[in-house]
Amino acid sequence: MSPVEHYIYEQEGIQRDILLFLHQHLLTYPPLTPKIRYKIPFYYGKTWVCYLNPIKKEQIELVFVRGNELSNDQRILESRGRKQVKGLICSSVDSIPLEALIETITEALILDKDVPYSLKSKK
């Protein structure tokens, strides 16, 4: 069992169900590699693409590291006051807008592959 799978199976109830569903879905994209970073699952292509963040007891947020650079045409991502990252809060597997999510992940992977990531340093 991988460290990410071990992490998922340590969770309880609905969070485990959502984490497992999203993890299995993200693994269908060959460039993505899961790793535990900052004690949660991150998914890497060339750089960080997204991560799964447990929030509250019954929710998981799928967060896109470069969310501010995504079009969000599907209107599923929220910034929640953050400047760079945007995420989709999932309360159940059935509530996940799969078609819109597929479009968003595809766009994030294209961005990761074609546009170099650069940290903007403060002056």
PDB file of N, CA and C in Angstrom:
ATOM      1  N   MET A   1       0.846  -1.172   0.000  1.00  0.00           N
ATOM      2  CA  MET A   1       0.000   0.000   0.000  1.00  0.00           C
ATOM      3  C   MET A   1       0.897   1.242   0.000  1.00  0.00           C
ATOM      4  N   SER A   2       0.576   2.187  -0.867  1.00  0.00           N
ATOM      5  CA  SER A   2       1.367   3.414  -0.958  1.00  0.00           C
ATOM      6  C   SER A   2       1.083   4.316   0.251  1.00  0.00           C
ATOM      7  N   PRO A   3       1.964   5.281   0.523  1.00  0.00           N
ATOM      8  CA  PRO A   3       1.721   6.213   1.630  1.00  0.00           C
ATOM      9  C   PRO A   3       0.405   6.983   1.475  1.00  0.00           C
ATOM     10  N   VAL A   4       0.043   7.339   0.226  1.00  0.00           N
ATOM     11  CA  VAL A   4      -1.211   8.059   0.001  1.00  0.00           C
ATOM     12  C   VAL A   4      -2.398   7.155   0.310  1.00  0.00           C
ATOM     13  N   GLU A   5      -2.353   5.908  -0.140  1.00  0.00           N
ATOM     14  CA  GLU A   5      -3.441   4.978   0.156  1.00  0.00           C
ATOM     15  C   GLU A   5      -3.536   4.724   1.658  1.00  0.00           C
ATOM     16  N   HIS A   6      -2.401   4.599   2.317  1.00  0.00           N
ATOM     17  CA  HIS A   6      -2.394   4.420   3.764  1.00  0.00           C
ATOM     18  C   HIS A   6      -3.074   5.611   4.444  1.00  0.00           C
ATOM     19  N   TYR A   7      -2.747   6.817   4.000  1.00  0.00           N
ATOM     20  CA  TYR A   7      -3.368   8.036   4.530  1.00  0.00           C
ATOM     21  C   TYR A   7      -4.889   7.978   4.342  1.00  0.00           C
ATOM     22  N   ILE A   8      -5.321   7.626   3.146  1.00  0.00           N
ATOM     23  CA  ILE A   8      -6.758   7.598   2.842  1.00  0.00           C
ATOM     24  C   ILE A   8      -7.483   6.608   3.748  1.00  0.00           C
ATOM     25  N   TYR A   9      -6.927   5.412   3.894  1.00  0.00           N
ATOM     26  CA  TYR A   9      -7.600   4.391   4.695  1.00  0.00           C
ATOM     27  C   TYR A   9      -7.568   4.687   6.195  1.00  0.00           C
ATOM     28  N   GLU A  10      -6.729   5.627   6.618  1.00  0.00           N
ATOM     29  CA  GLU A  10      -6.737   6.057   8.020  1.00  0.00           C
ATOM     30  C   GLU A  10      -7.904   7.000   8.312  1.00  0.00           C
ATOM     31  N   GLN A  11      -8.466   7.599   7.277  1.00  0.00           N
ATOM     32  CA  GLN A  11      -9.576   8.534   7.458  1.00  0.00           C
ATOM     33  C   GLN A  11     -10.867   7.751   7.703  1.00  0.00           C
ATOM     34  N   GLU A  12     -11.887   8.462   8.149  1.00  0.00           N
ATOM     35  CA  GLU A  12     -13.133   7.788   8.488  1.00  0.00           C
ATOM     36  C   GLU A  12     -14.297   8.306   7.650  1.00  0.00           C
ATOM     37  N   GLY A  13     -15.324   7.451   7.519  1.00  0.00           N
ATOM     38  CA  GLY A  13     -16.616   7.831   6.956  1.00  0.00           C
ATOM     39  C   GLY A  13     -16.564   8.442   5.578  1.00  0.00           C
ATOM     40  N   ILE A  14     -17.309   9.525   5.451  1.00  0.00           N
ATOM     41  CA  ILE A  14     -17.497  10.161   4.150  1.00  0.00           C
ATOM     42  C   ILE A  14     -16.188  10.724   3.613  1.00  0.00           C
ATOM     43  N   GLN A  15     -15.311  11.205   4.506  1.00  0.00           N
ATOM     44  CA  GLN A  15     -14.025  11.730   4.038  1.00  0.00           C
ATOM     45  C   GLN A  15     -13.228  10.637   3.336  1.00  0.00           C
ATOM     46  N   ARG A  16     -13.212   9.444   3.899  1.00  0.00           N
ATOM     47  CA  ARG A  16     -12.491   8.342   3.261  1.00  0.00           C
ATOM     48  C   ARG A  16     -13.091   8.039   1.886  1.00  0.00           C
ATOM     49  N   ASP A  17     -14.414   8.012   1.800  1.00  0.00           N
ATOM     50  CA  ASP A  17     -15.077   7.725   0.525  1.00  0.00           C
ATOM     51  C   ASP A  17     -14.708   8.753  -0.542  1.00  0.00           C
ATOM     52  N   ILE A  18     -14.752  10.019  -0.157  1.00  0.00           N
ATOM     53  CA  ILE A  18     -14.430  11.095  -1.115  1.00  0.00           C
ATOM     54  C   ILE A  18     -12.950  11.042  -1.494  1.00  0.00           C
ATOM     55  N   LEU A  19     -12.076  10.893  -0.507  1.00  0.00           N
ATOM     56  CA  LEU A  19     -10.633  10.804  -0.788  1.00  0.00           C
ATOM     57  C   LEU A  19     -10.330   9.646  -1.724  1.00  0.00           C
ATOM     58  N   LEU A  20     -10.916   8.487  -1.455  1.00  0.00           N
ATOM     59  CA  LEU A  20     -10.657   7.311  -2.280  1.00  0.00           C
ATOM     60  C   LEU A  20     -11.153   7.527  -3.705  1.00  0.00           C
ATOM     61  N   PHE A  21     -12.346   8.088  -3.851  1.00  0.00           N
ATOM     62  CA  PHE A  21     -12.890   8.351  -5.189  1.00  0.00           C
ATOM     63  C   PHE A  21     -11.989   9.312  -5.959  1.00  0.00           C
ATOM     64  N   LEU A  22     -11.637  10.444  -5.323  1.00  0.00           N
ATOM     65  CA  LEU A  22     -10.804  11.436  -6.018  1.00  0.00           C
ATOM     66  C   LEU A  22      -9.412  10.886  -6.314  1.00  0.00           C
ATOM     67  N   HIS A  23      -8.837  10.158  -5.373  1.00  0.00           N
ATOM     68  CA  HIS A  23      -7.516   9.552  -5.589  1.00  0.00           C
ATOM     69  C   HIS A  23      -7.552   8.604  -6.794  1.00  0.00           C
ATOM     70  N   GLN A  24      -8.529   7.717  -6.820  1.00  0.00           N
ATOM     71  CA  GLN A  24      -8.628   6.773  -7.936  1.00  0.00           C
ATOM     72  C   GLN A  24      -8.862   7.499  -9.258  1.00  0.00           C
ATOM     73  N   HIS A  25      -9.646   8.562  -9.218  1.00  0.00           N
ATOM     74  CA  HIS A  25      -9.878   9.335 -10.453  1.00  0.00           C
ATOM     75  C   HIS A  25      -8.588  10.029 -10.899  1.00  0.00           C
ATOM     76  N   LEU A  26      -7.877  10.647  -9.966  1.00  0.00           N
ATOM     77  CA  LEU A  26      -6.640  11.352 -10.327  1.00  0.00           C
ATOM     78  C   LEU A  26      -5.580  10.398 -10.872  1.00  0.00           C
ATOM     79  N   LEU A  27      -5.578   9.159 -10.418  1.00  0.00           N
ATOM     80  CA  LEU A  27      -4.608   8.180 -10.920  1.00  0.00           C
ATOM     81  C   LEU A  27      -4.874   7.778 -12.368  1.00  0.00           C
ATOM     82  N   THR A  28      -6.041   8.111 -12.912  1.00  0.00           N
ATOM     83  CA  THR A  28      -6.327   7.791 -14.318  1.00  0.00           C
ATOM     84  C   THR A  28      -5.614   8.756 -15.273  1.00  0.00           C
ATOM     85  N   TYR A  29      -4.984   9.795 -14.711  1.00  0.00           N
ATOM     86  CA  TYR A  29      -4.216  10.747 -15.527  1.00  0.00           C
ATOM     87  C   TYR A  29      -2.744  10.373 -15.379  1.00  0.00           C
ATOM     88  N   PRO A  30      -2.160   9.735 -16.416  1.00  0.00           N
ATOM     89  CA  PRO A  30      -0.786   9.209 -16.306  1.00  0.00           C
ATOM     90  C   PRO A  30       0.280  10.189 -15.829  1.00  0.00           C
ATOM     91  N   PRO A  31       0.214  11.474 -16.157  1.00  0.00           N
ATOM     92  CA  PRO A  31       1.310  12.310 -15.669  1.00  0.00           C
ATOM     93  C   PRO A  31       1.292  12.532 -14.153  1.00  0.00           C
ATOM     94  N   LEU A  32       0.171  12.271 -13.481  1.00  0.00           N
ATOM     95  CA  LEU A  32       0.074  12.575 -12.058  1.00  0.00           C
ATOM     96  C   LEU A  32       0.672  11.476 -11.184  1.00  0.00           C
ATOM     97  N   THR A  33       1.474  11.912 -10.230  1.00  0.00           N
ATOM     98  CA  THR A  33       2.097  11.019  -9.261  1.00  0.00           C
ATOM     99  C   THR A  33       1.711  11.490  -7.868  1.00  0.00           C
ATOM    100  N   PRO A  34       1.113  10.617  -7.049  1.00  0.00           N
ATOM    101  CA  PRO A  34       0.724  11.030  -5.703  1.00  0.00           C
ATOM    102  C   PRO A  34       1.873  10.914  -4.706  1.00  0.00           C
ATOM    103  N   LYS A  35       1.943  11.874  -3.786  1.00  0.00           N
ATOM    104  CA  LYS A  35       2.933  11.871  -2.711  1.00  0.00           C
ATOM    105  C   LYS A  35       2.314  12.549  -1.490  1.00  0.00           C
ATOM    106  N   ILE A  36       2.726  12.142  -0.325  1.00  0.00           N
ATOM    107  CA  ILE A  36       2.307  12.843   0.891  1.00  0.00           C
ATOM    108  C   ILE A  36       3.274  14.008   1.117  1.00  0.00           C
ATOM    109  N   ARG A  37       2.716  15.203   1.203  1.00  0.00           N
ATOM    110  CA  ARG A  37       3.471  16.412   1.516  1.00  0.00           C
ATOM    111  C   ARG A  37       2.631  17.216   2.492  1.00  0.00           C
ATOM    112  N   TYR A  38       3.264  17.799   3.470  1.00  0.00           N
ATOM    113  CA  TYR A  38       2.552  18.578   4.482  1.00  0.00           C
ATOM    114  C   TYR A  38       1.417  17.762   5.111  1.00  0.00           C
ATOM    115  N   LYS A  39       1.633  16.452   5.194  1.00  0.00           N
ATOM    116  CA  LYS A  39       0.735  15.495   5.842  1.00  0.00           C
ATOM    117  C   LYS A  39      -0.582  15.260   5.099  1.00  0.00           C
ATOM    118  N   ILE A  40      -0.647  15.658   3.807  1.00  0.00           N
ATOM    119  CA  ILE A  40      -1.833  15.396   2.989  1.00  0.00           C
ATOM    120  C   ILE A  40      -1.405  14.947   1.588  1.00  0.00           C
ATOM    121  N   PRO A  41      -2.304  14.342   0.802  1.00  0.00           N
ATOM    122  CA  PRO A  41      -1.945  13.880  -0.548  1.00  0.00           C
ATOM    123  C   PRO A  41      -1.802  15.035  -1.553  1.00  0.00           C
ATOM    124  N   PHE A  42      -0.661  15.073  -2.215  1.00  0.00           N
ATOM    125  CA  PHE A  42      -0.401  15.996  -3.320  1.00  0.00           C
ATOM    126  C   PHE A  42      -0.238  15.171  -4.591  1.00  0.00           C
ATOM    127  N   TYR A  43      -0.567  15.766  -5.722  1.00  0.00           N
ATOM    128  CA  TYR A  43      -0.435  15.098  -7.015  1.00  0.00           C
ATOM    129  C   TYR A  43       0.434  15.973  -7.913  1.00  0.00           C
ATOM    130  N   TYR A  44       1.507  15.354  -8.403  1.00  0.00           N
ATOM    131  CA  TYR A  44       2.528  16.060  -9.167  1.00  0.00           C
ATOM    132  C   TYR A  44       2.511  15.660 -10.626  1.00  0.00           C
ATOM    133  N   GLY A  45       2.765  16.622 -11.496  1.00  0.00           N
ATOM    134  CA  GLY A  45       3.129  16.391 -12.886  1.00  0.00           C
ATOM    135  C   GLY A  45       4.579  16.847 -12.964  1.00  0.00           C
ATOM    136  N   LYS A  46       4.824  17.952 -13.691  1.00  0.00           N
ATOM    137  CA  LYS A  46       6.151  18.571 -13.643  1.00  0.00           C
ATOM    138  C   LYS A  46       6.342  19.255 -12.290  1.00  0.00           C
ATOM    139  N   THR A  47       5.268  19.847 -11.793  1.00  0.00           N
ATOM    140  CA  THR A  47       5.269  20.523 -10.498  1.00  0.00           C
ATOM    141  C   THR A  47       3.995  20.106  -9.755  1.00  0.00           C
ATOM    142  N   TRP A  48       3.697  20.766  -8.653  1.00  0.00           N
ATOM    143  CA  TRP A  48       2.467  20.490  -7.916  1.00  0.00           C
ATOM    144  C   TRP A  48       1.276  20.861  -8.793  1.00  0.00           C
ATOM    145  N   VAL A  49       0.348  19.950  -8.948  1.00  0.00           N
ATOM    146  CA  VAL A  49      -0.859  20.231  -9.723  1.00  0.00           C
ATOM    147  C   VAL A  49      -2.043  20.456  -8.784  1.00  0.00           C
ATOM    148  N   CYS A  50      -2.248  19.522  -7.852  1.00  0.00           N
ATOM    149  CA  CYS A  50      -3.380  19.635  -6.938  1.00  0.00           C
ATOM    150  C   CYS A  50      -3.108  18.850  -5.663  1.00  0.00           C
ATOM    151  N   TYR A  51      -3.981  19.041  -4.705  1.00  0.00           N
ATOM    152  CA  TYR A  51      -3.888  18.267  -3.466  1.00  0.00           C
ATOM    153  C   TYR A  51      -5.280  18.072  -2.878  1.00  0.00           C
ATOM    154  N   LEU A  52      -5.383  17.078  -2.000  1.00  0.00           N
ATOM    155  CA  LEU A  52      -6.640  16.757  -1.330  1.00  0.00           C
ATOM    156  C   LEU A  52      -6.536  17.200   0.119  1.00  0.00           C
ATOM    157  N   ASN A  53      -7.382  18.127   0.506  1.00  0.00           N
ATOM    158  CA  ASN A  53      -7.303  18.723   1.828  1.00  0.00           C
ATOM    159  C   ASN A  53      -8.585  18.450   2.617  1.00  0.00           C
ATOM    160  N   PRO A  54      -8.504  17.641   3.667  1.00  0.00           N
ATOM    161  CA  PRO A  54      -9.685  17.434   4.507  1.00  0.00           C
ATOM    162  C   PRO A  54     -10.043  18.734   5.236  1.00  0.00           C
ATOM    163  N   ILE A  55     -11.287  19.149   5.086  1.00  0.00           N
ATOM    164  CA  ILE A  55     -11.775  20.320   5.812  1.00  0.00           C
ATOM    165  C   ILE A  55     -13.059  19.909   6.516  1.00  0.00           C
ATOM    166  N   LYS A  56     -13.236  20.381   7.671  1.00  0.00           N
ATOM    167  CA  LYS A  56     -14.370  19.964   8.498  1.00  0.00           C
ATOM    168  C   LYS A  56     -14.384  18.449   8.602  1.00  0.00           C
ATOM    169  N   LYS A  57     -15.366  17.889   9.254  1.00  0.00           N
ATOM    170  CA  LYS A  57     -15.375  16.443   9.460  1.00  0.00           C
ATOM    171  C   LYS A  57     -15.910  15.671   8.270  1.00  0.00           C
ATOM    172  N   GLU A  58     -16.674  16.311   7.414  1.00  0.00           N
ATOM    173  CA  GLU A  58     -17.321  15.568   6.335  1.00  0.00           C
ATOM    174  C   GLU A  58     -17.059  16.165   4.964  1.00  0.00           C
ATOM    175  N   GLN A  59     -15.977  16.909   4.806  1.00  0.00           N
ATOM    176  CA  GLN A  59     -15.694  17.522   3.516  1.00  0.00           C
ATOM    177  C   GLN A  59     -14.229  17.348   3.139  1.00  0.00           C
ATOM    178  N   ILE A  60     -14.010  17.284   1.838  1.00  0.00           N
ATOM    179  CA  ILE A  60     -12.665  17.260   1.264  1.00  0.00           C
ATOM    180  C   ILE A  60     -12.616  18.366   0.222  1.00  0.00           C
ATOM    181  N   GLU A  61     -11.538  19.116   0.211  1.00  0.00           N
ATOM    182  CA  GLU A  61     -11.357  20.117  -0.833  1.00  0.00           C
ATOM    183  C   GLU A  61     -10.276  19.628  -1.781  1.00  0.00           C
ATOM    184  N   LEU A  62     -10.623  19.543  -3.057  1.00  0.00           N
ATOM    185  CA  LEU A  62      -9.647  19.271  -4.114  1.00  0.00           C
ATOM    186  C   LEU A  62      -9.133  20.638  -4.547  1.00  0.00           C
ATOM    187  N   VAL A  63      -7.865  20.900  -4.237  1.00  0.00           N
ATOM    188  CA  VAL A  63      -7.281  22.227  -4.438  1.00  0.00           C
ATOM    189  C   VAL A  63      -6.294  22.200  -5.593  1.00  0.00           C
ATOM    190  N   PHE A  64      -6.430  23.148  -6.497  1.00  0.00           N
ATOM    191  CA  PHE A  64      -5.508  23.288  -7.624  1.00  0.00           C
ATOM    192  C   PHE A  64      -4.502  24.375  -7.280  1.00  0.00           C
ATOM    193  N   VAL A  65      -3.228  23.996  -7.265  1.00  0.00           N
ATOM    194  CA  VAL A  65      -2.159  24.887  -6.815  1.00  0.00           C
ATOM    195  C   VAL A  65      -2.083  26.148  -7.673  1.00  0.00           C
ATOM    196  N   ARG A  66      -2.335  26.021  -8.970  1.00  0.00           N
ATOM    197  CA  ARG A  66      -2.294  27.172  -9.872  1.00  0.00           C
ATOM    198  C   ARG A  66      -3.719  27.574 -10.280  1.00  0.00           C
ATOM    199  N   GLY A  67      -4.628  27.487  -9.332  1.00  0.00           N
ATOM    200  CA  GLY A  67      -6.039  27.773  -9.601  1.00  0.00           C
ATOM    201  C   GLY A  67      -6.292  29.150 -10.172  1.00  0.00           C
ATOM    202  N   ASN A  68      -5.488  30.132  -9.767  1.00  0.00           N
ATOM    203  CA  ASN A  68      -5.656  31.486 -10.295  1.00  0.00           C
ATOM    204  C   ASN A  68      -5.339  31.576 -11.782  1.00  0.00           C
ATOM    205  N   GLU A  69      -4.629  30.585 -12.328  1.00  0.00           N
ATOM    206  CA  GLU A  69      -4.283  30.589 -13.750  1.00  0.00           C
ATOM    207  C   GLU A  69      -5.264  29.772 -14.584  1.00  0.00           C
ATOM    208  N   LEU A  70      -6.188  29.071 -13.943  1.00  0.00           N
ATOM    209  CA  LEU A  70      -7.171  28.267 -14.672  1.00  0.00           C
ATOM    210  C   LEU A  70      -8.359  29.143 -15.063  1.00  0.00           C
ATOM    211  N   SER A  71      -9.030  28.784 -16.160  1.00  0.00           N
ATOM    212  CA  SER A  71     -10.145  29.581 -16.657  1.00  0.00           C
ATOM    213  C   SER A  71     -11.352  29.533 -15.722  1.00  0.00           C
ATOM    214  N   ASN A  72     -11.577  28.404 -15.078  1.00  0.00           N
ATOM    215  CA  ASN A  72     -12.744  28.167 -14.232  1.00  0.00           C
ATOM    216  C   ASN A  72     -14.047  28.417 -14.985  1.00  0.00           C
ATOM    217  N   ASP A  73     -14.052  28.090 -16.272  1.00  0.00           N
ATOM    218  CA  ASP A  73     -15.266  28.223 -17.081  1.00  0.00           C
ATOM    219  C   ASP A  73     -16.411  27.391 -16.509  1.00  0.00           C
ATOM    220  N   GLN A  74     -16.088  26.327 -15.820  1.00  0.00           N
ATOM    221  CA  GLN A  74     -17.090  25.432 -15.252  1.00  0.00           C
ATOM    222  C   GLN A  74     -17.676  25.993 -13.953  1.00  0.00           C
ATOM    223  N   ARG A  75     -17.046  27.001 -13.415  1.00  0.00           N
ATOM    224  CA  ARG A  75     -17.467  27.670 -12.185  1.00  0.00           C
ATOM    225  C   ARG A  75     -17.583  26.717 -10.993  1.00  0.00           C
ATOM    226  N   ILE A  76     -16.617  25.813 -10.886  1.00  0.00           N
ATOM    227  CA  ILE A  76     -16.621  24.881  -9.752  1.00  0.00           C
ATOM    228  C   ILE A  76     -15.554  25.216  -8.716  1.00  0.00           C
ATOM    229  N   LEU A  77     -14.628  26.098  -9.074  1.00  0.00           N
ATOM    230  CA  LEU A  77     -13.520  26.416  -8.169  1.00  0.00           C
ATOM    231  C   LEU A  77     -13.790  27.704  -7.402  1.00  0.00           C
ATOM    232  N   GLU A  78     -13.427  27.687  -6.127  1.00  0.00           N
ATOM    233  CA  GLU A  78     -13.573  28.860  -5.267  1.00  0.00           C
ATOM    234  C   GLU A  78     -12.215  29.239  -4.703  1.00  0.00           C
ATOM    235  N   SER A  79     -11.957  30.546  -4.608  1.00  0.00           N
ATOM    236  CA  SER A  79     -10.678  30.995  -4.053  1.00  0.00           C
ATOM    237  C   SER A  79     -10.729  31.048  -2.527  1.00  0.00           C
ATOM    238  N   ARG A  80     -11.881  31.295  -1.960  1.00  0.00           N
ATOM    239  CA  ARG A  80     -12.057  31.388  -0.506  1.00  0.00           C
ATOM    240  C   ARG A  80     -11.042  32.345   0.111  1.00  0.00           C
ATOM    241  N   GLY A  81     -10.816  33.476  -0.573  1.00  0.00           N
ATOM    242  CA  GLY A  81      -9.920  34.501  -0.053  1.00  0.00           C
ATOM    243  C   GLY A  81      -8.446  34.268  -0.323  1.00  0.00           C
ATOM    244  N   ARG A  82      -8.120  33.196  -1.039  1.00  0.00           N
ATOM    245  CA  ARG A  82      -6.710  32.899  -1.342  1.00  0.00           C
ATOM    246  C   ARG A  82      -6.349  33.509  -2.694  1.00  0.00           C
ATOM    247  N   LYS A  83      -5.099  33.891  -2.859  1.00  0.00           N
ATOM    248  CA  LYS A  83      -4.668  34.561  -4.084  1.00  0.00           C
ATOM    249  C   LYS A  83      -4.301  33.601  -5.207  1.00  0.00           C
ATOM    250  N   GLN A  84      -3.719  32.464  -4.884  1.00  0.00           N
ATOM    251  CA  GLN A  84      -3.206  31.570  -5.920  1.00  0.00           C
ATOM    252  C   GLN A  84      -4.034  30.303  -6.071  1.00  0.00           C
ATOM    253  N   VAL A  85      -4.295  29.616  -4.997  1.00  0.00           N
ATOM    254  CA  VAL A  85      -4.978  28.329  -5.090  1.00  0.00           C
ATOM    255  C   VAL A  85      -6.487  28.510  -5.128  1.00  0.00           C
ATOM    256  N   LYS A  86      -7.137  27.566  -5.817  1.00  0.00           N
ATOM    257  CA  LYS A  86      -8.600  27.511  -5.854  1.00  0.00           C
ATOM    258  C   LYS A  86      -8.996  26.060  -5.713  1.00  0.00           C
ATOM    259  N   GLY A  87     -10.155  25.842  -5.116  1.00  0.00           N
ATOM    260  CA  GLY A  87     -10.547  24.476  -4.880  1.00  0.00           C
ATOM    261  C   GLY A  87     -12.026  24.210  -5.035  1.00  0.00           C
ATOM    262  N   LEU A  88     -12.321  22.916  -5.064  1.00  0.00           N
ATOM    263  CA  LEU A  88     -13.682  22.400  -5.144  1.00  0.00           C
ATOM    264  C   LEU A  88     -13.952  21.663  -3.837  1.00  0.00           C
ATOM    265  N   ILE A  89     -14.951  22.094  -3.092  1.00  0.00           N
ATOM    266  CA  ILE A  89     -15.307  21.436  -1.842  1.00  0.00           C
ATOM    267  C   ILE A  89     -16.298  20.318  -2.145  1.00  0.00           C
ATOM    268  N   CYS A  90     -15.965  19.119  -1.678  1.00  0.00           N
ATOM    269  CA  CYS A  90     -16.790  17.931  -1.920  1.00  0.00           C
ATOM    270  C   CYS A  90     -17.360  17.445  -0.594  1.00  0.00           C
ATOM    271  N   SER A  91     -18.693  17.326  -0.539  1.00  0.00           N
ATOM    272  CA  SER A  91     -19.375  16.856   0.671  1.00  0.00           C
ATOM    273  C   SER A  91     -19.805  15.402   0.563  1.00  0.00           C
ATOM    274  N   SER A  92     -19.816  14.893  -0.669  1.00  0.00           N
ATOM    275  CA  SER A  92     -20.140  13.483  -0.916  1.00  0.00           C
ATOM    276  C   SER A  92     -19.636  13.126  -2.302  1.00  0.00           C
ATOM    277  N   VAL A  93     -19.488  11.843  -2.548  1.00  0.00           N
ATOM    278  CA  VAL A  93     -19.054  11.395  -3.876  1.00  0.00           C
ATOM    279  C   VAL A  93     -20.094  11.779  -4.916  1.00  0.00           C
ATOM    280  N   ASP A  94     -21.360  11.645  -4.557  1.00  0.00           N
ATOM    281  CA  ASP A  94     -22.446  11.943  -5.501  1.00  0.00           C
ATOM    282  C   ASP A  94     -22.527  13.419  -5.869  1.00  0.00           C
ATOM    283  N   SER A  95     -21.993  14.303  -5.019  1.00  0.00           N
ATOM    284  CA  SER A  95     -22.078  15.740  -5.290  1.00  0.00           C
ATOM    285  C   SER A  95     -20.943  16.248  -6.180  1.00  0.00           C
ATOM    286  N   ILE A  96     -20.009  15.392  -6.540  1.00  0.00           N
ATOM    287  CA  ILE A  96     -18.858  15.817  -7.343  1.00  0.00           C
ATOM    288  C   ILE A  96     -19.289  15.987  -8.801  1.00  0.00           C
ATOM    289  N   PRO A  97     -19.126  17.199  -9.359  1.00  0.00           N
ATOM    290  CA  PRO A  97     -19.495  17.436 -10.761  1.00  0.00           C
ATOM    291  C   PRO A  97     -18.411  16.862 -11.685  1.00  0.00           C
ATOM    292  N   LEU A  98     -18.534  15.576 -11.987  1.00  0.00           N
ATOM    293  CA  LEU A  98     -17.453  14.842 -12.641  1.00  0.00           C
ATOM    294  C   LEU A  98     -17.057  15.423 -13.998  1.00  0.00           C
ATOM    295  N   GLU A  99     -18.017  15.771 -14.828  1.00  0.00           N
ATOM    296  CA  GLU A  99     -17.695  16.300 -16.157  1.00  0.00           C
ATOM    297  C   GLU A  99     -16.906  17.604 -16.047  1.00  0.00           C
ATOM    298  N   ALA A 100     -17.359  18.503 -15.186  1.00  0.00           N
ATOM    299  CA  ALA A 100     -16.654  19.776 -14.982  1.00  0.00           C
ATOM    300  C   ALA A 100     -15.287  19.540 -14.358  1.00  0.00           C
ATOM    301  N   LEU A 101     -15.207  18.557 -13.466  1.00  0.00           N
ATOM    302  CA  LEU A 101     -13.927  18.234 -12.829  1.00  0.00           C
ATOM    303  C   LEU A 101     -12.928  17.706 -13.849  1.00  0.00           C
ATOM    304  N   ILE A 102     -13.376  16.858 -14.747  1.00  0.00           N
ATOM    305  CA  ILE A 102     -12.500  16.316 -15.799  1.00  0.00           C
ATOM    306  C   ILE A 102     -11.934  17.452 -16.648  1.00  0.00           C
ATOM    307  N   GLU A 103     -12.782  18.412 -17.016  1.00  0.00           N
ATOM    308  CA  GLU A 103     -12.320  19.564 -17.810  1.00  0.00           C
ATOM    309  C   GLU A 103     -11.283  20.375 -17.031  1.00  0.00           C
ATOM    310  N   THR A 104     -11.528  20.566 -15.742  1.00  0.00           N
ATOM    311  CA  THR A 104     -10.607  21.352 -14.910  1.00  0.00           C
ATOM    312  C   THR A 104      -9.265  20.648 -14.742  1.00  0.00           C
ATOM    313  N   ILE A 105      -9.295  19.350 -14.482  1.00  0.00           N
ATOM    314  CA  ILE A 105      -8.041  18.593 -14.334  1.00  0.00           C
ATOM    315  C   ILE A 105      -7.262  18.611 -15.647  1.00  0.00           C
ATOM    316  N   THR A 106      -7.965  18.433 -16.757  1.00  0.00           N
ATOM    317  CA  THR A 106      -7.310  18.460 -18.070  1.00  0.00           C
ATOM    318  C   THR A 106      -6.633  19.802 -18.306  1.00  0.00           C
ATOM    319  N   GLU A 107      -7.330  20.887 -17.988  1.00  0.00           N
ATOM    320  CA  GLU A 107      -6.751  22.225 -18.151  1.00  0.00           C
ATOM    321  C   GLU A 107      -5.535  22.406 -17.231  1.00  0.00           C
ATOM    322  N   ALA A 108      -5.627  21.927 -15.995  1.00  0.00           N
ATOM    323  CA  ALA A 108      -4.508  22.044 -15.052  1.00  0.00           C
ATOM    324  C   ALA A 108      -3.289  21.268 -15.542  1.00  0.00           C
ATOM    325  N   LEU A 109      -3.522  20.105 -16.151  1.00  0.00           N
ATOM    326  CA  LEU A 109      -2.405  19.311 -16.671  1.00  0.00           C
ATOM    327  C   LEU A 109      -1.760  19.972 -17.883  1.00  0.00           C
ATOM    328  N   ILE A 110      -2.564  20.583 -18.735  1.00  0.00           N
ATOM    329  CA  ILE A 110      -2.015  21.319 -19.888  1.00  0.00           C
ATOM    330  C   ILE A 110      -1.178  22.495 -19.388  1.00  0.00           C
ATOM    331  N   LEU A 111      -1.691  23.214 -18.409  1.00  0.00           N
ATOM    332  CA  LEU A 111      -0.951  24.333 -17.826  1.00  0.00           C
ATOM    333  C   LEU A 111       0.367  23.853 -17.232  1.00  0.00           C
ATOM    334  N   ASP A 112       0.323  22.754 -16.486  1.00  0.00           N
ATOM    335  CA  ASP A 112       1.526  22.200 -15.865  1.00  0.00           C
ATOM    336  C   ASP A 112       2.558  21.802 -16.917  1.00  0.00           C
ATOM    337  N   LYS A 113       2.087  21.242 -18.012  1.00  0.00           N
ATOM    338  CA  LYS A 113       2.992  20.760 -19.071  1.00  0.00           C
ATOM    339  C   LYS A 113       3.559  21.902 -19.916  1.00  0.00           C
ATOM    340  N   ASP A 114       2.737  22.894 -20.239  1.00  0.00           N
ATOM    341  CA  ASP A 114       3.118  23.899 -21.231  1.00  0.00           C
ATOM    342  C   ASP A 114       3.589  25.246 -20.680  1.00  0.00           C
ATOM    343  N   VAL A 115       3.210  25.589 -19.472  1.00  0.00           N
ATOM    344  CA  VAL A 115       3.558  26.903 -18.930  1.00  0.00           C
ATOM    345  C   VAL A 115       4.406  26.705 -17.675  1.00  0.00           C
ATOM    346  N   PRO A 116       5.676  27.087 -17.724  1.00  0.00           N
ATOM    347  CA  PRO A 116       6.538  26.891 -16.554  1.00  0.00           C
ATOM    348  C   PRO A 116       5.984  27.603 -15.321  1.00  0.00           C
ATOM    349  N   TYR A 117       6.073  26.926 -14.205  1.00  0.00           N
ATOM    350  CA  TYR A 117       5.632  27.490 -12.930  1.00  0.00           C
ATOM    351  C   TYR A 117       6.752  28.329 -12.365  1.00  0.00           C
ATOM    352  N   SER A 118       6.407  29.512 -11.905  1.00  0.00           N
ATOM    353  CA  SER A 118       7.427  30.348 -11.272  1.00  0.00           C
ATOM    354  C   SER A 118       6.834  31.000 -10.036  1.00  0.00           C
ATOM    355  N   LEU A 119       7.584  30.941  -8.960  1.00  0.00           N
ATOM    356  CA  LEU A 119       7.172  31.622  -7.742  1.00  0.00           C
ATOM    357  C   LEU A 119       7.431  33.105  -7.922  1.00  0.00           C
ATOM    358  N   LYS A 120       6.447  33.891  -7.591  1.00  0.00           N
ATOM    359  CA  LYS A 120       6.629  35.328  -7.664  1.00  0.00           C
ATOM    360  C   LYS A 120       7.108  35.787  -6.299  1.00  0.00           C
ATOM    361  N   SER A 121       8.338  36.236  -6.236  1.00  0.00           N
ATOM    362  CA  SER A 121       8.892  36.642  -4.951  1.00  0.00           C
ATOM    363  C   SER A 121       8.465  38.059  -4.591  1.00  0.00           C
ATOM    364  N   LYS A 122       8.358  38.299  -3.288  1.00  0.00           N
ATOM    365  CA  LYS A 122       8.003  39.626  -2.804  1.00  0.00           C
ATOM    366  C   LYS A 122       9.235  40.509  -2.840  1.00  0.00           C
ATOM    367  N   LYS A 123       9.047  41.751  -3.215  1.00  0.00           N
ATOM    368  CA  LYS A 123      10.179  42.688  -3.283  1.00  0.00           C
ATOM    369  C   LYS A 123      10.280  43.483  -2.016  1.00  0.00           C
TER     370      LYS A 123
END
